[in-house]
């Protein structure tokens, strides 16, 4: 845990760098601020100084958190839109008898902030580290068997299915909450048996977004 002494150092440094903090910690949380790189620690070697700064930021869980825990609040009206990572896409046409291990391509894209989702491949690539939420839904018809799974870099992480359904139409949804590193890939694919039928018209879709930024 961060010591009280380190916490006091952060507070003192912030009080002396108000304008930079207002810009960096409120509007630009992705910028690594100079005031954190030059905290007035007691005399120590450069290597030890760097290590303590790294531990400080790690313990505080990111630059924005450092600001907030040291008494600063986000400026009212300050936008973080530039940091949104989110997508939503649906299949364009009905799918029938889809082979096992086929990646579903959701080609009708409604939202793709951060450009992480590729409709040509059906694969989402994490633009940056963080915790991400993914959801998918498909509609099938009577007597259908449909098994789909959420895959992260080739490994199944969540599954949904409908097997020999009796209702004319059934909507089935899945959900995955997962921590990704930049470059990790996520997709939805069929498994176990051929997917008999998935209805288009915006009933079958895939969406995701990043829920942590620091």
Protein backbone atom coordinates (compact mmCIF):
# COMPACT_ATOMS: atom_id res chain seq x y z
CA UNK A 1 0.00 0.00 0.00
CA UNK A 2 1.08 3.58 -0.57
CA UNK A 3 2.46 5.16 2.58
CA UNK A 4 1.08 8.33 4.10
CA UNK A 5 4.36 10.05 3.22
CA UNK A 6 3.95 9.26 -0.48
CA UNK A 7 0.35 10.39 -0.37
CA UNK A 8 1.44 13.70 1.15
CA UNK A 9 4.09 14.12 -1.54
CA UNK A 10 1.48 13.63 -4.26
CA UNK A 11 -0.86 16.17 -2.67
CA UNK A 12 1.92 18.75 -2.32
CA UNK A 13 3.02 18.25 -5.92
CA UNK A 14 -0.56 18.60 -7.16
CA UNK A 15 -1.08 21.85 -5.27
CA UNK A 16 2.00 23.25 -7.01
CA UNK A 17 0.94 22.16 -10.50
CA UNK A 18 -2.74 23.08 -10.64
CA UNK A 19 -3.01 24.03 -14.32
CA UNK A 20 -1.20 20.91 -15.52
CA UNK A 21 -3.33 18.69 -13.29
CA UNK A 22 -6.57 20.23 -14.56
CA UNK A 23 -5.52 19.41 -18.13
CA UNK A 24 -3.90 16.04 -17.57
CA UNK A 25 -6.01 14.42 -14.90
CA UNK A 26 -9.40 15.68 -15.99
CA UNK A 27 -9.41 15.96 -19.76
CA UNK A 28 -6.45 13.79 -20.77
CA UNK A 29 -6.24 10.75 -18.47
CA UNK A 30 -4.17 8.87 -21.04
CA UNK A 31 -1.33 11.42 -20.88
CA UNK A 32 1.50 10.50 -18.55
CA UNK A 33 1.93 13.75 -16.67
CA UNK A 34 5.27 15.35 -16.02
CA UNK A 35 4.35 16.26 -12.45
CA UNK A 36 4.19 12.55 -11.59
CA UNK A 37 7.57 11.95 -13.15
CA UNK A 38 9.13 14.63 -10.96
CA UNK A 39 7.65 14.00 -7.55
CA UNK A 40 9.89 15.55 -4.84
CA UNK A 41 10.95 12.32 -3.15
CA UNK A 42 13.80 12.51 -0.63
CA UNK A 43 17.33 12.10 -1.96
CA UNK A 44 17.70 8.72 -3.67
CA UNK A 45 19.24 7.07 -6.71
CA UNK A 46 17.56 7.57 -10.10
CA UNK A 47 16.72 3.86 -10.29
CA UNK A 48 15.10 3.84 -6.85
CA UNK A 49 13.25 7.08 -7.66
CA UNK A 50 11.79 5.54 -10.81
CA UNK A 51 10.83 2.34 -8.99
CA UNK A 52 8.99 4.21 -6.21
CA UNK A 53 7.09 6.29 -8.75
CA UNK A 54 6.07 3.13 -10.58
CA UNK A 55 4.87 1.50 -7.34
CA UNK A 56 3.01 4.65 -6.37
CA UNK A 57 1.07 4.78 -9.62
CA UNK A 58 0.43 1.03 -9.55
CA UNK A 59 -0.91 1.17 -5.98
CA UNK A 60 -3.15 4.10 -6.84
CA UNK A 61 -4.38 2.23 -9.94
CA UNK A 62 -3.69 4.85 -12.60
CA UNK A 63 -3.19 8.55 -13.09
CA UNK A 64 -6.85 9.54 -12.83
CA UNK A 65 -7.15 7.63 -9.57
CA UNK A 66 -4.07 9.41 -8.19
CA UNK A 67 -5.79 12.73 -8.85
CA UNK A 68 -9.11 11.66 -7.38
CA UNK A 69 -7.68 10.05 -4.24
CA UNK A 70 -5.54 13.09 -3.56
CA UNK A 71 -8.63 15.30 -3.50
CA UNK A 72 -9.24 16.31 -7.11
CA UNK A 73 -12.55 15.80 -8.90
CA UNK A 74 -13.27 15.74 -12.66
CA UNK A 75 -14.09 19.14 -14.11
CA UNK A 76 -17.80 19.53 -14.88
CA UNK A 77 -18.46 19.25 -18.61
CA UNK A 78 -15.08 17.73 -19.40
CA UNK A 79 -15.52 15.15 -22.14
CA UNK A 80 -13.86 11.72 -22.25
CA UNK A 81 -15.45 10.80 -25.58
CA UNK A 82 -12.05 10.42 -27.20
CA UNK A 83 -11.35 7.46 -24.93
CA UNK A 84 -14.50 5.45 -25.65
CA UNK A 85 -13.96 1.95 -27.03
CA UNK A 86 -17.26 0.39 -28.05
CA UNK A 87 -18.86 -1.43 -30.96
CA UNK A 88 -22.19 -2.88 -32.01
CA UNK A 89 -22.82 -4.90 -35.16
CA UNK A 90 -25.42 -7.28 -36.58
CA UNK A 91 -25.47 -9.92 -39.31
CA UNK A 92 -26.72 -8.63 -42.66
CA UNK A 93 -28.54 -11.75 -43.87
CA UNK A 94 -30.02 -14.91 -42.38
CA UNK A 95 -27.51 -17.68 -41.70
CA UNK A 96 -28.34 -21.34 -42.37
CA UNK A 97 -26.43 -24.54 -41.68
CA UNK A 98 -23.28 -22.72 -40.58
CA UNK A 99 -20.37 -25.19 -40.20
CA UNK A 100 -18.71 -25.86 -36.86
CA UNK A 101 -15.87 -23.48 -35.90
CA UNK A 102 -17.07 -20.71 -38.20
CA UNK A 103 -16.49 -17.15 -37.02
CA UNK A 104 -19.72 -15.20 -37.30
CA UNK A 105 -19.20 -12.00 -39.29
CA UNK A 106 -21.42 -9.23 -38.01
CA UNK A 107 -21.09 -6.99 -41.04
CA UNK A 108 -23.78 -4.40 -40.36
CA UNK A 109 -21.86 -2.02 -38.06
CA UNK A 110 -23.78 0.60 -36.09
CA UNK A 111 -20.97 1.72 -33.78
CA UNK A 112 -17.21 1.21 -33.79
CA UNK A 113 -15.53 3.72 -31.47
CA UNK A 114 -11.82 3.01 -31.29
CA UNK A 115 -12.00 0.91 -34.49
CA UNK A 116 -11.43 -2.30 -32.58
CA UNK A 117 -14.03 -4.34 -34.47
CA UNK A 118 -13.38 -5.63 -38.01
CA UNK A 119 -16.63 -6.53 -39.82
CA UNK A 120 -14.72 -8.31 -42.59
CA UNK A 121 -13.27 -10.88 -40.19
CA UNK A 122 -15.81 -10.66 -37.35
CA UNK A 123 -12.94 -10.17 -34.91
CA UNK A 124 -12.55 -7.51 -32.23
CA UNK A 125 -8.96 -6.53 -31.38
CA UNK A 126 -8.43 -4.71 -28.09
CA UNK A 127 -6.92 -1.27 -28.85
CA UNK A 128 -5.57 -1.06 -25.30
CA UNK A 129 -5.40 -2.88 -21.97
CA UNK A 130 -8.53 -2.99 -19.84
CA UNK A 131 -11.61 -4.86 -18.68
CA UNK A 132 -14.13 -5.37 -21.48
CA UNK A 133 -17.78 -6.39 -21.60
CA UNK A 134 -19.14 -8.39 -24.55
CA UNK A 135 -22.69 -9.42 -25.37
CA UNK A 136 -24.24 -11.37 -28.23
CA UNK A 137 -27.75 -12.41 -29.19
CA UNK A 138 -29.18 -14.65 -31.90
CA UNK A 139 -32.69 -15.67 -32.90
CA UNK A 140 -33.35 -19.19 -34.14
CA UNK A 141 -36.43 -21.05 -35.38
CA UNK A 142 -38.40 -24.14 -34.35
CA UNK A 143 -36.42 -27.42 -34.22
CA UNK A 144 -33.13 -25.50 -34.55
CA UNK A 145 -29.83 -26.38 -32.92
CA UNK A 146 -27.44 -23.47 -32.54
CA UNK A 147 -24.30 -23.49 -30.40
CA UNK A 148 -22.09 -20.39 -30.29
CA UNK A 149 -19.16 -19.42 -28.13
CA UNK A 150 -17.16 -16.32 -27.28
CA UNK A 151 -13.49 -16.90 -28.01
CA UNK A 152 -10.44 -14.99 -26.77
CA UNK A 153 -7.29 -15.67 -28.79
CA UNK A 154 -8.53 -19.13 -29.72
CA UNK A 155 -9.77 -20.18 -26.27
CA UNK A 156 -13.47 -20.54 -25.49
CA UNK A 157 -14.53 -18.31 -22.59
CA UNK A 158 -18.36 -18.41 -22.69
CA UNK A 159 -21.01 -20.43 -24.52
CA UNK A 160 -24.70 -20.24 -25.38
CA UNK A 161 -26.99 -22.65 -27.18
CA UNK A 162 -30.49 -23.61 -28.14
CA UNK A 163 -31.25 -27.27 -28.83
CA UNK A 164 -34.33 -28.56 -30.64
CA UNK A 165 -36.45 -25.59 -29.58
CA UNK A 166 -40.23 -25.88 -29.60
CA UNK A 167 -41.22 -22.22 -30.01
CA UNK A 168 -41.28 -20.72 -33.48
CA UNK A 169 -38.72 -18.04 -32.57
CA UNK A 170 -36.35 -18.01 -29.60
CA UNK A 171 -33.87 -15.28 -28.72
CA UNK A 172 -30.71 -16.47 -26.94
CA UNK A 173 -28.09 -14.18 -25.42
CA UNK A 174 -24.62 -14.52 -23.95
CA UNK A 175 -22.30 -12.34 -21.92
CA UNK A 176 -18.56 -12.22 -21.28
CA UNK A 177 -16.67 -9.94 -18.89
CA UNK A 178 -12.93 -10.28 -19.45
CA UNK A 179 -9.63 -8.49 -18.90
CA UNK A 180 -7.73 -8.01 -22.15
CA UNK A 181 -4.30 -6.82 -23.09
CA UNK A 182 -3.73 -4.63 -26.12
CA UNK A 183 -3.85 -6.83 -29.21
CA UNK A 184 -5.95 -9.63 -27.68
CA UNK A 185 -8.67 -10.79 -30.07
CA UNK A 186 -12.28 -11.75 -29.38
CA UNK A 187 -14.85 -13.31 -31.70
CA UNK A 188 -18.07 -15.34 -31.79
CA UNK A 189 -18.03 -18.72 -33.51
CA UNK A 190 -20.14 -21.84 -33.91
CA UNK A 191 -19.25 -25.12 -32.20
CA UNK A 192 -20.48 -28.67 -31.53
CA UNK A 193 -22.95 -28.90 -34.46
CA UNK A 194 -23.85 -26.92 -37.54
CA UNK A 195 -25.84 -23.83 -36.61
CA UNK A 196 -29.21 -24.49 -38.22
CA UNK A 197 -30.50 -20.93 -38.47
CA UNK A 198 -29.81 -17.41 -37.22
CA UNK A 199 -32.20 -14.62 -38.10
CA UNK A 200 -30.96 -11.29 -39.43
CA UNK A 201 -32.98 -8.02 -39.46
CA UNK A 202 -30.97 -6.80 -36.45
CA UNK A 203 -32.04 -9.75 -34.25
CA UNK A 204 -28.60 -11.36 -34.26
CA UNK A 205 -25.81 -9.08 -33.09
CA UNK A 206 -22.51 -8.72 -31.25
CA UNK A 207 -21.42 -5.78 -29.10
CA UNK A 208 -18.70 -4.85 -26.66
CA UNK A 209 -17.09 -2.00 -24.80
CA UNK A 210 -14.25 -1.22 -22.46
CA UNK A 211 -15.38 -0.56 -18.89
CA UNK A 212 -12.05 0.33 -17.27
CA UNK A 213 -9.54 2.89 -18.44
CA UNK A 214 -6.77 2.84 -15.85
